[in-house]
Amino acid sequence: MFLKLINRLFQALMTMIFVGLVSFLLFNFVGDPISNMVGQETSVEDRDALREKLGLNDPFLTQFARFGSNAVSGNFGISYALQRPVSTLIAERMPATLELVATSAVVAIVLGVLLGVYTGINRHSWISKTIMPLSLIGVSLPTFVIGILL
């Protein structure tokens, strides 16, 4: 049992590293963050100095290793768009996020239990025959699609 837990933790860690690596790789190909941070009137020398200050001239693996070690310590850097620490932005938005999570979990549990019990008791009613396909659709669709539809 203990070995299975260690194996699962290792798999989770490898998955997180892989997803982080792919995300980091894709972010590097989206565009130049310096162009998003400064205006058009900024000189080439200022752009190069900012690129050097942020470590964007370093090799990809060096940048990823720095990002990973900073993320583990809770330092997520500065937002390119808002010029503020990302950890501050996360802390500001956390209460609203937790409120949405708690509310949606309560609604999902209450509706799921009530509709599940009703469907189990009244298996052949037209309401049960409507609930079953709708629940199948709800389980099958990705959550972001359901969020957009709702």
Protein backbone atom coordinates (compact mmCIF):
# COMPACT_ATOMS: atom_id res chain seq x y z
CA MET A 1 0.00 0.00 0.00
CA PHE A 2 2.80 2.40 0.91
CA LEU A 3 4.65 1.61 -2.33
CA LYS A 4 1.50 2.24 -4.32
CA LEU A 5 1.12 5.65 -2.65
CA ILE A 6 4.75 6.53 -3.40
CA ASN A 7 4.27 5.38 -7.00
CA ARG A 8 1.16 7.56 -7.40
CA LEU A 9 2.93 10.57 -5.91
CA PHE A 10 5.82 10.03 -8.30
CA GLN A 11 3.41 9.78 -11.25
CA ALA A 12 1.67 12.97 -10.15
CA LEU A 13 5.00 14.78 -9.86
CA MET A 14 6.09 13.61 -13.32
CA THR A 15 2.74 14.67 -14.78
CA MET A 16 3.03 18.12 -13.22
CA ILE A 17 6.59 18.52 -14.53
CA PHE A 18 5.53 17.40 -18.02
CA VAL A 19 2.50 19.70 -18.14
CA GLY A 20 4.61 22.57 -16.82
CA LEU A 21 7.28 21.90 -19.45
CA VAL A 22 4.74 21.79 -22.30
CA SER A 23 3.00 24.94 -21.03
CA PHE A 24 6.30 26.74 -20.66
CA LEU A 25 7.34 25.64 -24.14
CA LEU A 26 4.09 26.83 -25.68
CA PHE A 27 4.34 30.15 -23.85
CA ASN A 28 7.76 30.74 -25.42
CA PHE A 29 6.27 30.39 -28.92
CA VAL A 30 3.23 32.64 -28.38
CA GLY A 31 5.16 35.84 -28.87
CA ASP A 32 7.67 38.17 -27.34
CA PRO A 33 6.56 39.16 -23.81
CA ILE A 34 8.72 42.29 -24.04
CA SER A 35 6.48 43.63 -26.80
CA ASN A 36 3.48 43.20 -24.51
CA MET A 37 5.22 44.90 -21.59
CA VAL A 38 6.54 48.03 -23.26
CA GLY A 39 5.19 50.50 -25.76
CA GLN A 40 6.20 51.01 -29.37
CA GLU A 41 8.32 54.03 -28.50
CA THR A 42 10.73 51.91 -26.38
CA SER A 43 14.21 51.74 -27.83
CA VAL A 44 15.92 48.50 -28.85
CA GLU A 45 18.50 48.99 -26.10
CA ASP A 46 15.77 49.28 -23.43
CA ARG A 47 14.08 46.15 -24.79
CA ASP A 48 17.36 44.23 -24.71
CA ALA A 49 18.07 45.42 -21.15
CA LEU A 50 14.62 44.30 -20.00
CA ARG A 51 15.03 40.96 -21.77
CA GLU A 52 18.36 40.47 -19.98
CA LYS A 53 16.90 41.54 -16.62
CA LEU A 54 14.06 39.01 -16.93
CA GLY A 55 16.44 36.24 -18.05
CA LEU A 56 14.72 35.76 -21.40
CA ASN A 57 18.08 35.47 -23.18
CA ASP A 58 18.97 32.33 -21.21
CA PRO A 59 18.55 28.87 -22.77
CA PHE A 60 15.09 27.28 -22.55
CA LEU A 61 16.02 24.62 -19.97
CA THR A 62 17.71 27.22 -17.76
CA GLN A 63 14.59 29.38 -17.87
CA PHE A 64 12.38 26.38 -17.06
CA ALA A 65 14.61 25.28 -14.17
CA ARG A 66 14.54 28.82 -12.75
CA PHE A 67 10.76 28.97 -13.17
CA GLY A 68 10.31 25.56 -11.49
CA SER A 69 12.52 26.37 -8.51
CA ASN A 70 10.82 29.74 -8.05
CA ALA A 71 7.34 28.18 -8.33
CA VAL A 72 8.17 25.55 -5.71
CA SER A 73 9.17 28.33 -3.33
CA GLY A 74 5.95 30.27 -4.08
CA ASN A 75 7.54 32.97 -6.23
CA PHE A 76 5.59 33.08 -9.50
CA GLY A 77 7.24 36.22 -10.81
CA ILE A 78 5.73 39.41 -12.15
CA SER A 79 2.67 39.54 -14.37
CA TYR A 80 3.70 40.81 -17.79
CA ALA A 81 0.30 42.41 -18.34
CA LEU A 82 -0.30 44.05 -14.94
CA GLN A 83 3.30 44.55 -13.74
CA ARG A 84 2.40 43.14 -10.30
CA PRO A 85 3.54 40.00 -8.45
CA VAL A 86 1.53 36.97 -9.58
CA SER A 87 1.27 35.67 -6.00
CA THR A 88 -0.48 38.91 -5.04
CA LEU A 89 -2.90 38.54 -7.95
CA ILE A 90 -3.64 34.94 -6.93
CA ALA A 91 -4.24 35.98 -3.31
CA GLU A 92 -6.62 38.74 -4.42
CA ARG A 93 -8.70 36.37 -6.53
CA MET A 94 -8.62 33.36 -4.19
CA PRO A 95 -11.67 34.28 -2.05
CA ALA A 96 -13.96 34.62 -5.08
CA THR A 97 -12.59 31.38 -6.53
CA LEU A 98 -13.16 29.47 -3.29
CA GLU A 99 -16.68 30.90 -3.05
CA LEU A 100 -17.47 29.67 -6.56
CA VAL A 101 -15.98 26.25 -5.81
CA ALA A 102 -17.94 25.83 -2.58
CA THR A 103 -21.21 27.01 -4.11
CA SER A 104 -20.90 24.80 -7.18
CA ALA A 105 -19.94 21.78 -5.06
CA VAL A 106 -22.96 22.23 -2.80
CA VAL A 107 -25.31 22.67 -5.76
CA ALA A 108 -23.82 19.65 -7.57
CA ILE A 109 -24.02 17.39 -4.51
CA VAL A 110 -27.56 18.40 -3.57
CA LEU A 111 -28.91 18.15 -7.11
CA GLY A 112 -26.97 14.97 -7.83
CA VAL A 113 -28.19 13.17 -4.73
CA LEU A 114 -31.80 14.33 -5.03
CA LEU A 115 -32.10 13.58 -8.74
CA GLY A 116 -30.23 10.29 -8.34
CA VAL A 117 -32.52 9.10 -5.56
CA TYR A 118 -35.60 10.19 -7.52
CA THR A 119 -34.39 8.39 -10.64
CA GLY A 120 -33.60 5.26 -8.63
CA ILE A 121 -37.05 5.18 -7.04
CA ASN A 122 -39.10 6.18 -10.11
CA ARG A 123 -37.12 4.42 -12.79
CA HIS A 124 -39.74 4.43 -15.52
CA SER A 125 -41.17 7.96 -15.18
CA TRP A 126 -40.72 10.49 -17.96
CA ILE A 127 -38.73 12.73 -15.59
CA SER A 128 -36.24 9.90 -14.95
CA LYS A 129 -36.00 9.22 -18.66
CA THR A 130 -35.12 12.91 -19.12
CA ILE A 131 -32.65 13.07 -16.22
CA MET A 132 -30.60 10.06 -17.35
CA PRO A 133 -29.55 11.39 -20.81
CA LEU A 134 -28.96 14.87 -19.38
CA SER A 135 -26.70 13.46 -16.67
CA LEU A 136 -24.84 11.40 -19.29
CA ILE A 137 -24.29 14.53 -21.36
CA GLY A 138 -23.16 16.41 -18.26
CA VAL A 139 -20.61 13.74 -17.38
CA SER A 140 -19.37 13.39 -20.97
CA LEU A 141 -18.78 17.06 -21.79
CA PRO A 142 -15.58 18.77 -20.63
CA THR A 143 -16.12 21.16 -17.74
CA PHE A 144 -15.06 24.22 -19.71
CA VAL A 145 -17.76 23.52 -22.31
CA ILE A 146 -20.39 23.12 -19.59
CA GLY A 147 -19.19 26.37 -18.02
CA ILE A 148 -19.56 28.22 -21.31
CA LEU A 149 -22.99 26.73 -21.95
CA LEU A 150 -24.22 27.61 -18.47
